[in-house]
Amino acid sequence: MQNSANQNIQINPFQWVTIYRAANSLEANIIKGLMQSENIACQIKGDMLQGAVGEIPYEQTQACLQVYAIKERHARQILVNYQQVKQSAPDWVCPNCNEHNGSAFEFCWSCETLRNDKSK
């Protein structure tokens, strides 16, 4: 008889696994778009609860990105690339309205002007 502690536990490949806790709903949706562009099915949990901060614990209001266990390795590689770009990309100022925009924005959040190389 084998010891049950030595047996490998089989994980359902189509079980949702949390791979990232986003700072806010916007960041969660940016990452969700990156996953979907690589044909990785994903879902965001908790993003609709952010308005309830203070009424319920903060941990329950975090936007958590989940993927199927079978795609976890690929999704984590995408996250590593995202975090490297996020750290190295500079913020930019809109040439049209002079609004400060974060590095993740390709369009000005204020006037929707497309980011260009001169604004970097």
PDB file of N, CA and C in Angstrom:
ATOM      1  N   MET A   1       0.836  -1.177   0.000  1.00  0.00           N
ATOM      2  CA  MET A   1       0.000   0.000   0.000  1.00  0.00           C
ATOM      3  C   MET A   1       0.889   1.252   0.000  1.00  0.00           C
ATOM      4  N   GLN A   2       0.601   2.164  -0.891  1.00  0.00           N
ATOM      5  CA  GLN A   2       1.400   3.380  -0.969  1.00  0.00           C
ATOM      6  C   GLN A   2       0.872   4.425   0.004  1.00  0.00           C
ATOM      7  N   ASN A   3       1.788   5.230   0.469  1.00  0.00           N
ATOM      8  CA  ASN A   3       1.430   6.339   1.325  1.00  0.00           C
ATOM      9  C   ASN A   3       0.753   7.409   0.482  1.00  0.00           C
ATOM     10  N   SER A   4      -0.417   7.890   0.887  1.00  0.00           N
ATOM     11  CA  SER A   4      -1.159   8.871   0.092  1.00  0.00           C
ATOM     12  C   SER A   4      -0.425  10.201  -0.019  1.00  0.00           C
ATOM     13  N   ALA A   5       0.486  10.494   0.909  1.00  0.00           N
ATOM     14  CA  ALA A   5       1.237  11.749   0.856  1.00  0.00           C
ATOM     15  C   ALA A   5       2.234  11.752  -0.301  1.00  0.00           C
ATOM     16  N   ASN A   6       2.652  10.584  -0.770  1.00  0.00           N
ATOM     17  CA  ASN A   6       3.622  10.490  -1.855  1.00  0.00           C
ATOM     18  C   ASN A   6       2.971  10.465  -3.231  1.00  0.00           C
ATOM     19  N   GLN A   7       1.662  10.343  -3.291  1.00  0.00           N
ATOM     20  CA  GLN A   7       0.983  10.295  -4.581  1.00  0.00           C
ATOM     21  C   GLN A   7       0.824  11.704  -5.135  1.00  0.00           C
ATOM     22  N   ASN A   8       0.943  11.811  -6.456  1.00  0.00           N
ATOM     23  CA  ASN A   8       0.733  13.102  -7.103  1.00  0.00           C
ATOM     24  C   ASN A   8      -0.752  13.413  -7.139  1.00  0.00           C
ATOM     25  N   ILE A   9      -1.086  14.614  -6.786  1.00  0.00           N
ATOM     26  CA  ILE A   9      -2.479  15.046  -6.828  1.00  0.00           C
ATOM     27  C   ILE A   9      -2.764  15.566  -8.226  1.00  0.00           C
ATOM     28  N   GLN A  10      -3.787  15.025  -8.838  1.00  0.00           N
ATOM     29  CA  GLN A  10      -4.178  15.445 -10.183  1.00  0.00           C
ATOM     30  C   GLN A  10      -5.050  16.690 -10.087  1.00  0.00           C
ATOM     31  N   ILE A  11      -4.668  17.721 -10.822  1.00  0.00           N
ATOM     32  CA  ILE A  11      -5.443  18.957 -10.876  1.00  0.00           C
ATOM     33  C   ILE A  11      -6.254  18.942 -12.154  1.00  0.00           C
ATOM     34  N   ASN A  12      -7.509  19.311 -12.034  1.00  0.00           N
ATOM     35  CA  ASN A  12      -8.370  19.414 -13.200  1.00  0.00           C
ATOM     36  C   ASN A  12      -7.807  20.497 -14.120  1.00  0.00           C
ATOM     37  N   PRO A  13      -7.468  20.176 -15.387  1.00  0.00           N
ATOM     38  CA  PRO A  13      -6.871  21.182 -16.278  1.00  0.00           C
ATOM     39  C   PRO A  13      -7.827  22.318 -16.626  1.00  0.00           C
ATOM     40  N   PHE A  14      -9.118  22.131 -16.372  1.00  0.00           N
ATOM     41  CA  PHE A  14     -10.089  23.179 -16.671  1.00  0.00           C
ATOM     42  C   PHE A  14     -10.656  23.810 -15.406  1.00  0.00           C
ATOM     43  N   GLN A  15      -9.841  23.789 -14.356  1.00  0.00           N
ATOM     44  CA  GLN A  15     -10.170  24.464 -13.107  1.00  0.00           C
ATOM     45  C   GLN A  15      -9.610  25.878 -13.180  1.00  0.00           C
ATOM     46  N   TRP A  16     -10.375  26.879 -12.733  1.00  0.00           N
ATOM     47  CA  TRP A  16      -9.899  28.260 -12.730  1.00  0.00           C
ATOM     48  C   TRP A  16      -8.827  28.433 -11.667  1.00  0.00           C
ATOM     49  N   VAL A  17      -7.720  29.095 -12.038  1.00  0.00           N
ATOM     50  CA  VAL A  17      -6.596  29.356 -11.146  1.00  0.00           C
ATOM     51  C   VAL A  17      -6.323  30.858 -11.152  1.00  0.00           C
ATOM     52  N   THR A  18      -6.208  31.459  -9.975  1.00  0.00           N
ATOM     53  CA  THR A  18      -5.886  32.888  -9.880  1.00  0.00           C
ATOM     54  C   THR A  18      -4.405  33.068 -10.149  1.00  0.00           C
ATOM     55  N   ILE A  19      -4.099  33.926 -11.141  1.00  0.00           N
ATOM     56  CA  ILE A  19      -2.694  34.152 -11.484  1.00  0.00           C
ATOM     57  C   ILE A  19      -2.229  35.572 -11.188  1.00  0.00           C
ATOM     58  N   TYR A  20      -3.188  36.494 -10.945  1.00  0.00           N
ATOM     59  CA  TYR A  20      -2.775  37.885 -10.741  1.00  0.00           C
ATOM     60  C   TYR A  20      -3.841  38.629  -9.949  1.00  0.00           C
ATOM     61  N   ARG A  21      -3.408  39.434  -9.000  1.00  0.00           N
ATOM     62  CA  ARG A  21      -4.297  40.331  -8.266  1.00  0.00           C
ATOM     63  C   ARG A  21      -3.953  41.745  -8.714  1.00  0.00           C
ATOM     64  N   ALA A  22      -4.850  42.327  -9.457  1.00  0.00           N
ATOM     65  CA  ALA A  22      -4.606  43.636 -10.057  1.00  0.00           C
ATOM     66  C   ALA A  22      -4.817  44.761  -9.055  1.00  0.00           C
ATOM     67  N   ALA A  23      -4.154  45.879  -9.327  1.00  0.00           N
ATOM     68  CA  ALA A  23      -4.294  47.061  -8.476  1.00  0.00           C
ATOM     69  C   ALA A  23      -5.698  47.647  -8.578  1.00  0.00           C
ATOM     70  N   ASN A  24      -6.312  47.496  -9.756  1.00  0.00           N
ATOM     71  CA  ASN A  24      -7.660  48.021  -9.975  1.00  0.00           C
ATOM     72  C   ASN A  24      -8.289  47.307 -11.176  1.00  0.00           C
ATOM     73  N   SER A  25      -9.529  47.625 -11.435  1.00  0.00           N
ATOM     74  CA  SER A  25     -10.270  46.978 -12.514  1.00  0.00           C
ATOM     75  C   SER A  25      -9.672  47.287 -13.887  1.00  0.00           C
ATOM     76  N   LEU A  26      -9.162  48.492 -14.062  1.00  0.00           N
ATOM     77  CA  LEU A  26      -8.553  48.880 -15.332  1.00  0.00           C
ATOM     78  C   LEU A  26      -7.356  47.994 -15.651  1.00  0.00           C
ATOM     79  N   GLU A  27      -6.463  47.823 -14.684  1.00  0.00           N
ATOM     80  CA  GLU A  27      -5.300  46.971 -14.906  1.00  0.00           C
ATOM     81  C   GLU A  27      -5.722  45.531 -15.185  1.00  0.00           C
ATOM     82  N   ALA A  28      -6.728  45.046 -14.456  1.00  0.00           N
ATOM     83  CA  ALA A  28      -7.210  43.681 -14.671  1.00  0.00           C
ATOM     84  C   ALA A  28      -7.712  43.503 -16.101  1.00  0.00           C
ATOM     85  N   ASN A  29      -8.407  44.493 -16.621  1.00  0.00           N
ATOM     86  CA  ASN A  29      -8.928  44.391 -17.984  1.00  0.00           C
ATOM     87  C   ASN A  29      -7.831  44.523 -19.038  1.00  0.00           C
ATOM     88  N   ILE A  30      -6.788  45.272 -18.750  1.00  0.00           N
ATOM     89  CA  ILE A  30      -5.643  45.348 -19.666  1.00  0.00           C
ATOM     90  C   ILE A  30      -4.993  43.968 -19.779  1.00  0.00           C
ATOM     91  N   ILE A  31      -4.782  43.334 -18.639  1.00  0.00           N
ATOM     92  CA  ILE A  31      -4.158  42.008 -18.643  1.00  0.00           C
ATOM     93  C   ILE A  31      -5.086  40.983 -19.277  1.00  0.00           C
ATOM     94  N   LYS A  32      -6.373  41.101 -19.026  1.00  0.00           N
ATOM     95  CA  LYS A  32      -7.344  40.200 -19.654  1.00  0.00           C
ATOM     96  C   LYS A  32      -7.247  40.309 -21.175  1.00  0.00           C
ATOM     97  N   GLY A  33      -7.103  41.511 -21.690  1.00  0.00           N
ATOM     98  CA  GLY A  33      -6.937  41.708 -23.131  1.00  0.00           C
ATOM     99  C   GLY A  33      -5.666  41.054 -23.659  1.00  0.00           C
ATOM    100  N   LEU A  34      -4.583  41.146 -22.885  1.00  0.00           N
ATOM    101  CA  LEU A  34      -3.336  40.490 -23.291  1.00  0.00           C
ATOM    102  C   LEU A  34      -3.528  38.980 -23.368  1.00  0.00           C
ATOM    103  N   MET A  35      -4.223  38.416 -22.395  1.00  0.00           N
ATOM    104  CA  MET A  35      -4.470  36.973 -22.382  1.00  0.00           C
ATOM    105  C   MET A  35      -5.336  36.560 -23.571  1.00  0.00           C
ATOM    106  N   GLN A  36      -6.380  37.325 -23.810  1.00  0.00           N
ATOM    107  CA  GLN A  36      -7.287  36.986 -24.904  1.00  0.00           C
ATOM    108  C   GLN A  36      -6.607  37.116 -26.262  1.00  0.00           C
ATOM    109  N   SER A  37      -5.650  38.035 -26.380  1.00  0.00           N
ATOM    110  CA  SER A  37      -4.927  38.169 -27.647  1.00  0.00           C
ATOM    111  C   SER A  37      -4.050  36.953 -27.922  1.00  0.00           C
ATOM    112  N   GLU A  38      -3.760  36.181 -26.875  1.00  0.00           N
ATOM    113  CA  GLU A  38      -2.989  34.943 -27.003  1.00  0.00           C
ATOM    114  C   GLU A  38      -3.891  33.715 -26.943  1.00  0.00           C
ATOM    115  N   ASN A  39      -5.194  33.935 -27.109  1.00  0.00           N
ATOM    116  CA  ASN A  39      -6.207  32.867 -27.096  1.00  0.00           C
ATOM    117  C   ASN A  39      -6.240  32.103 -25.774  1.00  0.00           C
ATOM    118  N   ILE A  40      -6.057  32.819 -24.674  1.00  0.00           N
ATOM    119  CA  ILE A  40      -6.163  32.222 -23.351  1.00  0.00           C
ATOM    120  C   ILE A  40      -7.469  32.706 -22.731  1.00  0.00           C
ATOM    121  N   ALA A  41      -8.366  31.755 -22.470  1.00  0.00           N
ATOM    122  CA  ALA A  41      -9.625  32.104 -21.825  1.00  0.00           C
ATOM    123  C   ALA A  41      -9.335  32.575 -20.406  1.00  0.00           C
ATOM    124  N   CYS A  42      -9.981  33.659 -19.995  1.00  0.00           N
ATOM    125  CA  CYS A  42      -9.749  34.176 -18.651  1.00  0.00           C
ATOM    126  C   CYS A  42     -11.000  34.857 -18.128  1.00  0.00           C
ATOM    127  N   GLN A  43     -11.012  35.081 -16.836  1.00  0.00           N
ATOM    128  CA  GLN A  43     -12.111  35.798 -16.198  1.00  0.00           C
ATOM    129  C   GLN A  43     -11.552  36.664 -15.087  1.00  0.00           C
ATOM    130  N   ILE A  44     -12.300  37.712 -14.764  1.00  0.00           N
ATOM    131  CA  ILE A  44     -11.926  38.605 -13.668  1.00  0.00           C
ATOM    132  C   ILE A  44     -12.942  38.404 -12.556  1.00  0.00           C
ATOM    133  N   LYS A  45     -12.451  38.172 -11.362  1.00  0.00           N
ATOM    134  CA  LYS A  45     -13.335  38.023 -10.200  1.00  0.00           C
ATOM    135  C   LYS A  45     -13.086  39.188  -9.255  1.00  0.00           C
ATOM    136  N   GLY A  46     -14.164  39.732  -8.716  1.00  0.00           N
ATOM    137  CA  GLY A  46     -14.056  40.766  -7.699  1.00  0.00           C
ATOM    138  C   GLY A  46     -14.055  42.186  -8.210  1.00  0.00           C
ATOM    139  N   ASP A  47     -13.995  42.402  -9.521  1.00  0.00           N
ATOM    140  CA  ASP A  47     -13.905  43.783 -10.007  1.00  0.00           C
ATOM    141  C   ASP A  47     -15.188  44.568  -9.760  1.00  0.00           C
ATOM    142  N   MET A  48     -16.311  43.910  -9.691  1.00  0.00           N
ATOM    143  CA  MET A  48     -17.579  44.609  -9.437  1.00  0.00           C
ATOM    144  C   MET A  48     -17.756  44.965  -7.959  1.00  0.00           C
ATOM    145  N   LEU A  49     -16.887  44.440  -7.110  1.00  0.00           N
ATOM    146  CA  LEU A  49     -17.005  44.680  -5.678  1.00  0.00           C
ATOM    147  C   LEU A  49     -16.177  45.870  -5.207  1.00  0.00           C
ATOM    148  N   GLN A  50     -15.420  46.508  -6.081  1.00  0.00           N
ATOM    149  CA  GLN A  50     -14.520  47.574  -5.654  1.00  0.00           C
ATOM    150  C   GLN A  50     -15.255  48.772  -5.065  1.00  0.00           C
ATOM    151  N   GLY A  51     -16.497  48.966  -5.434  1.00  0.00           N
ATOM    152  CA  GLY A  51     -17.283  50.054  -4.850  1.00  0.00           C
ATOM    153  C   GLY A  51     -17.694  49.793  -3.416  1.00  0.00           C
ATOM    154  N   ALA A  52     -17.522  48.559  -2.965  1.00  0.00           N
ATOM    155  CA  ALA A  52     -17.925  48.190  -1.612  1.00  0.00           C
ATOM    156  C   ALA A  52     -16.770  48.227  -0.620  1.00  0.00           C
ATOM    157  N   VAL A  53     -15.631  48.810  -1.013  1.00  0.00           N
ATOM    158  CA  VAL A  53     -14.486  48.898  -0.096  1.00  0.00           C
ATOM    159  C   VAL A  53     -14.927  49.649   1.148  1.00  0.00           C
ATOM    160  N   GLY A  54     -14.620  49.089   2.291  1.00  0.00           N
ATOM    161  CA  GLY A  54     -15.041  49.675   3.562  1.00  0.00           C
ATOM    162  C   GLY A  54     -16.229  48.929   4.139  1.00  0.00           C
ATOM    163  N   GLU A  55     -17.106  48.461   3.268  1.00  0.00           N
ATOM    164  CA  GLU A  55     -18.250  47.673   3.709  1.00  0.00           C
ATOM    165  C   GLU A  55     -17.881  46.203   3.842  1.00  0.00           C
ATOM    166  N   ILE A  56     -16.987  45.753   2.953  1.00  0.00           N
ATOM    167  CA  ILE A  56     -16.480  44.380   3.005  1.00  0.00           C
ATOM    168  C   ILE A  56     -14.958  44.452   2.997  1.00  0.00           C
ATOM    169  N   PRO A  57     -14.277  43.408   3.436  1.00  0.00           N
ATOM    170  CA  PRO A  57     -12.812  43.446   3.493  1.00  0.00           C
ATOM    171  C   PRO A  57     -12.171  43.741   2.139  1.00  0.00           C
ATOM    172  N   TYR A  58     -11.083  44.498   2.171  1.00  0.00           N
ATOM    173  CA  TYR A  58     -10.368  44.907   0.952  1.00  0.00           C
ATOM    174  C   TYR A  58      -9.981  43.710   0.095  1.00  0.00           C
ATOM    175  N   GLU A  59      -9.537  42.621   0.730  1.00  0.00           N
ATOM    176  CA  GLU A  59      -9.083  41.452  -0.022  1.00  0.00           C
ATOM    177  C   GLU A  59     -10.177  40.892  -0.919  1.00  0.00           C
ATOM    178  N   GLN A  60     -11.430  41.064  -0.520  1.00  0.00           N
ATOM    179  CA  GLN A  60     -12.546  40.551  -1.313  1.00  0.00           C
ATOM    180  C   GLN A  60     -12.901  41.464  -2.469  1.00  0.00           C
ATOM    181  N   THR A  61     -12.372  42.686  -2.476  1.00  0.00           N
ATOM    182  CA  THR A  61     -12.699  43.633  -3.541  1.00  0.00           C
ATOM    183  C   THR A  61     -11.623  43.715  -4.613  1.00  0.00           C
ATOM    184  N   GLN A  62     -10.542  42.968  -4.434  1.00  0.00           N
ATOM    185  CA  GLN A  62      -9.476  43.002  -5.434  1.00  0.00           C
ATOM    186  C   GLN A  62      -9.934  42.324  -6.716  1.00  0.00           C
ATOM    187  N   ALA A  63      -9.524  42.879  -7.844  1.00  0.00           N
ATOM    188  CA  ALA A  63      -9.804  42.274  -9.138  1.00  0.00           C
ATOM    189  C   ALA A  63      -8.752  41.196  -9.379  1.00  0.00           C
ATOM    190  N   CYS A  64      -9.193  39.953  -9.407  1.00  0.00           N
ATOM    191  CA  CYS A  64      -8.289  38.813  -9.583  1.00  0.00           C
ATOM    192  C   CYS A  64      -8.493  38.215 -10.970  1.00  0.00           C
ATOM    193  N   LEU A  65      -7.410  38.025 -11.671  1.00  0.00           N
ATOM    194  CA  LEU A  65      -7.466  37.427 -12.999  1.00  0.00           C
ATOM    195  C   LEU A  65      -7.267  35.929 -12.871  1.00  0.00           C
ATOM    196  N   GLN A  66      -8.164  35.171 -13.504  1.00  0.00           N
ATOM    197  CA  GLN A  66      -8.093  33.717 -13.449  1.00  0.00           C
ATOM    198  C   GLN A  66      -8.029  33.129 -14.852  1.00  0.00           C
ATOM    199  N   VAL A  67      -7.264  32.050 -14.981  1.00  0.00           N
ATOM    200  CA  VAL A  67      -7.166  31.289 -16.237  1.00  0.00           C
ATOM    201  C   VAL A  67      -7.337  29.817 -15.894  1.00  0.00           C
ATOM    202  N   TYR A  68      -7.576  29.011 -16.918  1.00  0.00           N
ATOM    203  CA  TYR A  68      -7.638  27.570 -16.699  1.00  0.00           C
ATOM    204  C   TYR A  68      -6.247  27.058 -16.324  1.00  0.00           C
ATOM    205  N   ALA A  69      -6.208  26.069 -15.439  1.00  0.00           N
ATOM    206  CA  ALA A  69      -4.943  25.510 -14.960  1.00  0.00           C
ATOM    207  C   ALA A  69      -4.055  25.055 -16.114  1.00  0.00           C
ATOM    208  N   ILE A  70      -4.648  24.548 -17.177  1.00  0.00           N
ATOM    209  CA  ILE A  70      -3.872  24.050 -18.311  1.00  0.00           C
ATOM    210  C   ILE A  70      -3.120  25.175 -19.033  1.00  0.00           C
ATOM    211  N   LYS A  71      -3.561  26.411 -18.879  1.00  0.00           N
ATOM    212  CA  LYS A  71      -2.929  27.571 -19.530  1.00  0.00           C
ATOM    213  C   LYS A  71      -2.123  28.431 -18.574  1.00  0.00           C
ATOM    214  N   GLU A  72      -1.989  27.986 -17.328  1.00  0.00           N
ATOM    215  CA  GLU A  72      -1.330  28.808 -16.310  1.00  0.00           C
ATOM    216  C   GLU A  72       0.109  29.162 -16.675  1.00  0.00           C
ATOM    217  N   ARG A  73       0.884  28.216 -17.144  1.00  0.00           N
ATOM    218  CA  ARG A  73       2.297  28.480 -17.472  1.00  0.00           C
ATOM    219  C   ARG A  73       2.419  29.557 -18.558  1.00  0.00           C
ATOM    220  N   HIS A  74       1.647  29.437 -19.620  1.00  0.00           N
ATOM    221  CA  HIS A  74       1.685  30.415 -20.710  1.00  0.00           C
ATOM    222  C   HIS A  74       1.237  31.792 -20.201  1.00  0.00           C
ATOM    223  N   ALA A  75       0.181  31.809 -19.382  1.00  0.00           N
ATOM    224  CA  ALA A  75      -0.328  33.069 -18.841  1.00  0.00           C
ATOM    225  C   ALA A  75       0.720  33.755 -17.958  1.00  0.00           C
ATOM    226  N   ARG A  76       1.441  32.984 -17.171  1.00  0.00           N
ATOM    227  CA  ARG A  76       2.473  33.573 -16.305  1.00  0.00           C
ATOM    228  C   ARG A  76       3.626  34.162 -17.120  1.00  0.00           C
ATOM    229  N   GLN A  77       3.941  33.557 -18.264  1.00  0.00           N
ATOM    230  CA  GLN A  77       4.963  34.131 -19.149  1.00  0.00           C
ATOM    231  C   GLN A  77       4.498  35.480 -19.680  1.00  0.00           C
ATOM    232  N   ILE A  78       3.236  35.589 -20.036  1.00  0.00           N
ATOM    233  CA  ILE A  78       2.677  36.853 -20.509  1.00  0.00           C
ATOM    234  C   ILE A  78       2.742  37.901 -19.395  1.00  0.00           C
ATOM    235  N   LEU A  79       2.451  37.489 -18.155  1.00  0.00           N
ATOM    236  CA  LEU A  79       2.527  38.409 -17.022  1.00  0.00           C
ATOM    237  C   LEU A  79       3.941  38.923 -16.792  1.00  0.00           C
ATOM    238  N   VAL A  80       4.926  38.056 -16.927  1.00  0.00           N
ATOM    239  CA  VAL A  80       6.322  38.480 -16.765  1.00  0.00           C
ATOM    240  C   VAL A  80       6.658  39.545 -17.801  1.00  0.00           C
ATOM    241  N   ASN A  81       6.271  39.317 -19.049  1.00  0.00           N
ATOM    242  CA  ASN A  81       6.520  40.302 -20.108  1.00  0.00           C
ATOM    243  C   ASN A  81       5.789  41.609 -19.811  1.00  0.00           C
ATOM    244  N   TYR A  82       4.540  41.524 -19.359  1.00  0.00           N
ATOM    245  CA  TYR A  82       3.751  42.713 -19.029  1.00  0.00           C
ATOM    246  C   TYR A  82       4.443  43.529 -17.938  1.00  0.00           C
ATOM    247  N   GLN A  83       4.906  42.859 -16.886  1.00  0.00           N
ATOM    248  CA  GLN A  83       5.531  43.566 -15.777  1.00  0.00           C
ATOM    249  C   GLN A  83       6.865  44.190 -16.182  1.00  0.00           C
ATOM    250  N   GLN A  84       7.608  43.539 -17.064  1.00  0.00           N
ATOM    251  CA  GLN A  84       8.872  44.116 -17.539  1.00  0.00           C
ATOM    252  C   GLN A  84       8.609  45.370 -18.372  1.00  0.00           C
ATOM    253  N   VAL A  85       7.629  45.316 -19.247  1.00  0.00           N
ATOM    254  CA  VAL A  85       7.288  46.477 -20.073  1.00  0.00           C
ATOM    255  C   VAL A  85       6.746  47.596 -19.197  1.00  0.00           C
ATOM    256  N   LYS A  86       5.909  47.245 -18.232  1.00  0.00           N
ATOM    257  CA  LYS A  86       5.315  48.235 -17.326  1.00  0.00           C
ATOM    258  C   LYS A  86       6.400  48.985 -16.556  1.00  0.00           C
ATOM    259  N   GLN A  87       7.442  48.278 -16.126  1.00  0.00           N
ATOM    260  CA  GLN A  87       8.512  48.908 -15.360  1.00  0.00           C
ATOM    261  C   GLN A  87       9.433  49.751 -16.228  1.00  0.00           C
ATOM    262  N   SER A  88       9.620  49.347 -17.485  1.00  0.00           N
ATOM    263  CA  SER A  88      10.585  50.048 -18.326  1.00  0.00           C
ATOM    264  C   SER A  88       9.968  51.161 -19.175  1.00  0.00           C
ATOM    265  N   ALA A  89       8.668  51.110 -19.409  1.00  0.00           N
ATOM    266  CA  ALA A  89       8.025  52.105 -20.277  1.00  0.00           C
ATOM    267  C   ALA A  89       7.766  53.395 -19.493  1.00  0.00           C
ATOM    268  N   PRO A  90       8.098  54.523 -20.075  1.00  0.00           N
ATOM    269  CA  PRO A  90       7.860  55.794 -19.392  1.00  0.00           C
ATOM    270  C   PRO A  90       6.417  56.269 -19.562  1.00  0.00           C
ATOM    271  N   ASP A  91       5.965  57.075 -18.617  1.00  0.00           N
ATOM    272  CA  ASP A  91       4.686  57.756 -18.785  1.00  0.00           C
ATOM    273  C   ASP A  91       4.855  58.781 -19.901  1.00  0.00           C
ATOM    274  N   TRP A  92       3.752  59.313 -20.408  1.00  0.00           N
ATOM    275  CA  TRP A  92       3.850  60.272 -21.508  1.00  0.00           C
ATOM    276  C   TRP A  92       2.835  61.389 -21.340  1.00  0.00           C
ATOM    277  N   VAL A  93       3.110  62.502 -22.001  1.00  0.00           N
ATOM    278  CA  VAL A  93       2.243  63.673 -21.950  1.00  0.00           C
ATOM    279  C   VAL A  93       1.578  63.824 -23.307  1.00  0.00           C
ATOM    280  N   CYS A  94       0.273  64.000 -23.294  1.00  0.00           N
ATOM    281  CA  CYS A  94      -0.489  64.142 -24.544  1.00  0.00           C
ATOM    282  C   CYS A  94      -0.070  65.415 -25.274  1.00  0.00           C
ATOM    283  N   PRO A  95       0.254  65.306 -26.563  1.00  0.00           N
ATOM    284  CA  PRO A  95       0.643  66.488 -27.325  1.00  0.00           C
ATOM    285  C   PRO A  95      -0.535  67.419 -27.615  1.00  0.00           C
ATOM    286  N   ASN A  96      -1.751  66.911 -27.453  1.00  0.00           N
ATOM    287  CA  ASN A  96      -2.937  67.715 -27.754  1.00  0.00           C
ATOM    288  C   ASN A  96      -3.434  68.503 -26.548  1.00  0.00           C
ATOM    289  N   CYS A  97      -3.553  67.833 -25.386  1.00  0.00           N
ATOM    290  CA  CYS A  97      -4.134  68.496 -24.213  1.00  0.00           C
ATOM    291  C   CYS A  97      -3.176  68.591 -23.034  1.00  0.00           C
ATOM    292  N   ASN A  98      -1.944  68.105 -23.187  1.00  0.00           N
ATOM    293  CA  ASN A  98      -0.914  68.133 -22.145  1.00  0.00           C
ATOM    294  C   ASN A  98      -1.277  67.342 -20.890  1.00  0.00           C
ATOM    295  N   GLU A  99      -2.156  66.366 -21.040  1.00  0.00           N
ATOM    296  CA  GLU A  99      -2.531  65.513 -19.912  1.00  0.00           C
ATOM    297  C   GLU A  99      -1.474  64.434 -19.691  1.00  0.00           C
ATOM    298  N   HIS A 100      -1.171  64.146 -18.427  1.00  0.00           N
ATOM    299  CA  HIS A 100      -0.219  63.093 -18.068  1.00  0.00           C
ATOM    300  C   HIS A 100      -0.916  61.741 -18.187  1.00  0.00           C
ATOM    301  N   ASN A 101      -0.305  60.800 -18.919  1.00  0.00           N
ATOM    302  CA  ASN A 101      -0.871  59.470 -19.133  1.00  0.00           C
ATOM    303  C   ASN A 101       0.127  58.409 -18.692  1.00  0.00           C
ATOM    304  N   GLY A 102      -0.384  57.327 -18.166  1.00  0.00           N
ATOM    305  CA  GLY A 102       0.461  56.213 -17.769  1.00  0.00           C
ATOM    306  C   GLY A 102       1.006  55.486 -18.983  1.00  0.00           C
ATOM    307  N   SER A 103       2.061  54.729 -18.777  1.00  0.00           N
ATOM    308  CA  SER A 103       2.732  54.042 -19.879  1.00  0.00           C
ATOM    309  C   SER A 103       1.854  53.005 -20.559  1.00  0.00           C
ATOM    310  N   ALA A 104       0.836  52.489 -19.882  1.00  0.00           N
ATOM    311  CA  ALA A 104      -0.027  51.462 -20.469  1.00  0.00           C
ATOM    312  C   ALA A 104      -1.015  52.030 -21.476  1.00  0.00           C
ATOM    313  N   PHE A 105      -1.223  53.342 -21.461  1.00  0.00           N
ATOM    314  CA  PHE A 105      -2.209  53.954 -22.348  1.00  0.00           C
ATOM    315  C   PHE A 105      -1.635  54.225 -23.732  1.00  0.00           C
ATOM    316  N   GLU A 106      -2.328  53.762 -24.742  1.00  0.00           N
ATOM    317  CA  GLU A 106      -1.964  54.067 -26.123  1.00  0.00           C
ATOM    318  C   GLU A 106      -2.717  55.298 -26.624  1.00  0.00           C
ATOM    319  N   PHE A 107      -3.821  55.635 -25.951  1.00  0.00           N
ATOM    320  CA  PHE A 107      -4.599  56.821 -26.254  1.00  0.00           C
ATOM    321  C   PHE A 107      -4.679  57.663 -24.991  1.00  0.00           C
ATOM    322  N   CYS A 108      -4.725  58.976 -25.158  1.00  0.00           N
ATOM    323  CA  CYS A 108      -4.879  59.872 -24.015  1.00  0.00           C
ATOM    324  C   CYS A 108      -6.219  59.574 -23.351  1.00  0.00           C
ATOM    325  N   TRP A 109      -6.213  59.420 -22.041  1.00  0.00           N
ATOM    326  CA  TRP A 109      -7.451  59.110 -21.343  1.00  0.00           C
ATOM    327  C   TRP A 109      -8.394  60.312 -21.333  1.00  0.00           C
ATOM    328  N   SER A 110      -7.872  61.503 -21.533  1.00  0.00           N
ATOM    329  CA  SER A 110      -8.682  62.711 -21.476  1.00  0.00           C
ATOM    330  C   SER A 110      -9.304  63.093 -22.814  1.00  0.00           C
ATOM    331  N   CYS A 111      -8.478  63.110 -23.878  1.00  0.00           N
ATOM    332  CA  CYS A 111      -8.993  63.576 -25.174  1.00  0.00           C
ATOM    333  C   CYS A 111      -8.941  62.512 -26.263  1.00  0.00           C
ATOM    334  N   GLU A 112      -8.443  61.328 -25.933  1.00  0.00           N
ATOM    335  CA  GLU A 112      -8.379  60.187 -26.843  1.00  0.00           C
ATOM    336  C   GLU A 112      -7.435  60.368 -28.030  1.00  0.00           C
ATOM    337  N   THR A 113      -6.456  61.258 -27.873  1.00  0.00           N
ATOM    338  CA  THR A 113      -5.436  61.427 -28.907  1.00  0.00           C
ATOM    339  C   THR A 113      -4.493  60.229 -28.862  1.00  0.00           C
ATOM    340  N   LEU A 114      -4.139  59.715 -30.033  1.00  0.00           N
ATOM    341  CA  LEU A 114      -3.235  58.571 -30.130  1.00  0.00           C
ATOM    342  C   LEU A 114      -1.838  58.961 -29.653  1.00  0.00           C
ATOM    343  N   ARG A 115      -1.243  58.091 -28.881  1.00  0.00           N
ATOM    344  CA  ARG A 115       0.137  58.300 -28.435  1.00  0.00           C
ATOM    345  C   ARG A 115       1.052  58.241 -29.638  1.00  0.00           C
ATOM    346  N   ASN A 116       2.053  59.108 -29.676  1.00  0.00           N
ATOM    347  CA  ASN A 116       3.040  59.065 -30.752  1.00  0.00           C
ATOM    348  C   ASN A 116       4.436  59.045 -30.169  1.00  0.00           C
ATOM    349  N   ASP A 117       5.425  58.810 -30.998  1.00  0.00           N
ATOM    350  CA  ASP A 117       6.805  58.704 -30.516  1.00  0.00           C
ATOM    351  C   ASP A 117       7.322  59.993 -29.896  1.00  0.00           C
ATOM    352  N   LYS A 118       6.808  61.130 -30.314  1.00  0.00           N
ATOM    353  CA  LYS A 118       7.283  62.421 -29.784  1.00  0.00           C
ATOM    354  C   LYS A 118       6.831  62.636 -28.343  1.00  0.00           C
ATOM    355  N   SER A 119       5.766  61.953 -27.914  1.00  0.00           N
ATOM    356  CA  SER A 119       5.243  62.167 -26.569  1.00  0.00           C
ATOM    357  C   SER A 119       5.876  61.271 -25.531  1.00  0.00           C
ATOM    358  N   LYS A 120       6.758  60.354 -25.942  1.00  0.00           N
ATOM    359  CA  LYS A 120       7.375  59.422 -24.998  1.00  0.00           C
ATOM    360  C   LYS A 120       8.435  60.087 -24.167  1.00  0.00           C
TER     361      LYS A 120
END
